[in-house]
Amino acid sequence: MFKDIGLNQIFAEETEEALRENLLLSRIAEKVGLTTGELLKSLEGNPDILK
């Protein structure tokens, strides 16, 4: 039972972090006039921009 509680907590934390990252990406994409998908493709094509 404790193992399940621990796994559920980890899942909840990871999900919350992913949602925050998605929201941030959406806001950035909106500000630069791109869709989230377009922004991700641009970032994947230019990984040095993240440094």
Protein backbone atom coordinates (compact mmCIF):
# COMPACT_ATOMS: atom_id res chain seq x y z
CA MET A 1 0.00 0.00 0.00
CA PHE A 2 2.75 2.47 0.87
CA LYS A 3 4.46 1.72 -2.42
CA ASP A 4 1.29 2.71 -4.29
CA ILE A 5 1.00 5.93 -2.28
CA GLY A 6 4.60 6.79 -3.10
CA LEU A 7 4.11 6.08 -6.79
CA ASN A 8 0.93 8.13 -6.84
CA GLN A 9 2.77 11.06 -5.25
CA ILE A 10 5.57 10.86 -7.81
CA PHE A 11 3.03 10.67 -10.63
CA ALA A 12 1.16 13.70 -9.27
CA GLU A 13 4.35 15.74 -8.97
CA GLU A 14 5.54 14.81 -12.46
CA THR A 15 2.13 15.56 -13.94
CA GLU A 16 2.02 18.96 -12.25
CA GLU A 17 5.50 19.81 -13.54
CA ALA A 18 4.57 18.75 -17.08
CA LEU A 19 1.44 20.91 -16.97
CA ARG A 20 3.49 23.92 -15.86
CA GLU A 21 5.98 23.34 -18.68
CA ASN A 22 3.17 23.04 -21.23
CA LEU A 23 1.59 26.25 -19.98
CA LEU A 24 4.93 28.05 -20.22
CA LEU A 25 5.47 26.77 -23.77
CA SER A 26 1.96 27.87 -24.73
CA ARG A 27 2.56 31.37 -23.36
CA ILE A 28 5.90 31.71 -25.13
CA ALA A 29 4.43 30.44 -28.41
CA GLU A 30 1.56 32.90 -28.15
CA LYS A 31 3.94 35.81 -27.57
CA VAL A 32 6.05 34.98 -30.62
CA GLY A 33 3.06 34.20 -32.84
CA LEU A 34 3.56 30.46 -33.20
CA THR A 35 1.57 27.41 -32.27
CA THR A 36 3.01 25.26 -29.51
CA GLY A 37 3.89 22.61 -32.10
CA GLU A 38 5.71 25.15 -34.26
CA LEU A 39 7.65 26.41 -31.25
CA LEU A 40 8.67 22.88 -30.28
CA LYS A 41 9.83 22.11 -33.84
CA SER A 42 11.83 25.34 -33.85
CA LEU A 43 13.45 24.49 -30.52
CA GLU A 44 14.22 20.93 -31.65
CA GLY A 45 15.87 22.31 -34.78
CA ASN A 46 17.94 24.80 -32.78
CA PRO A 47 18.88 23.12 -29.47
CA ASP A 48 21.63 25.69 -28.80
CA ILE A 49 18.98 28.38 -28.32
CA LEU A 50 18.11 26.78 -24.97
CA LYS A 51 21.62 27.26 -23.58
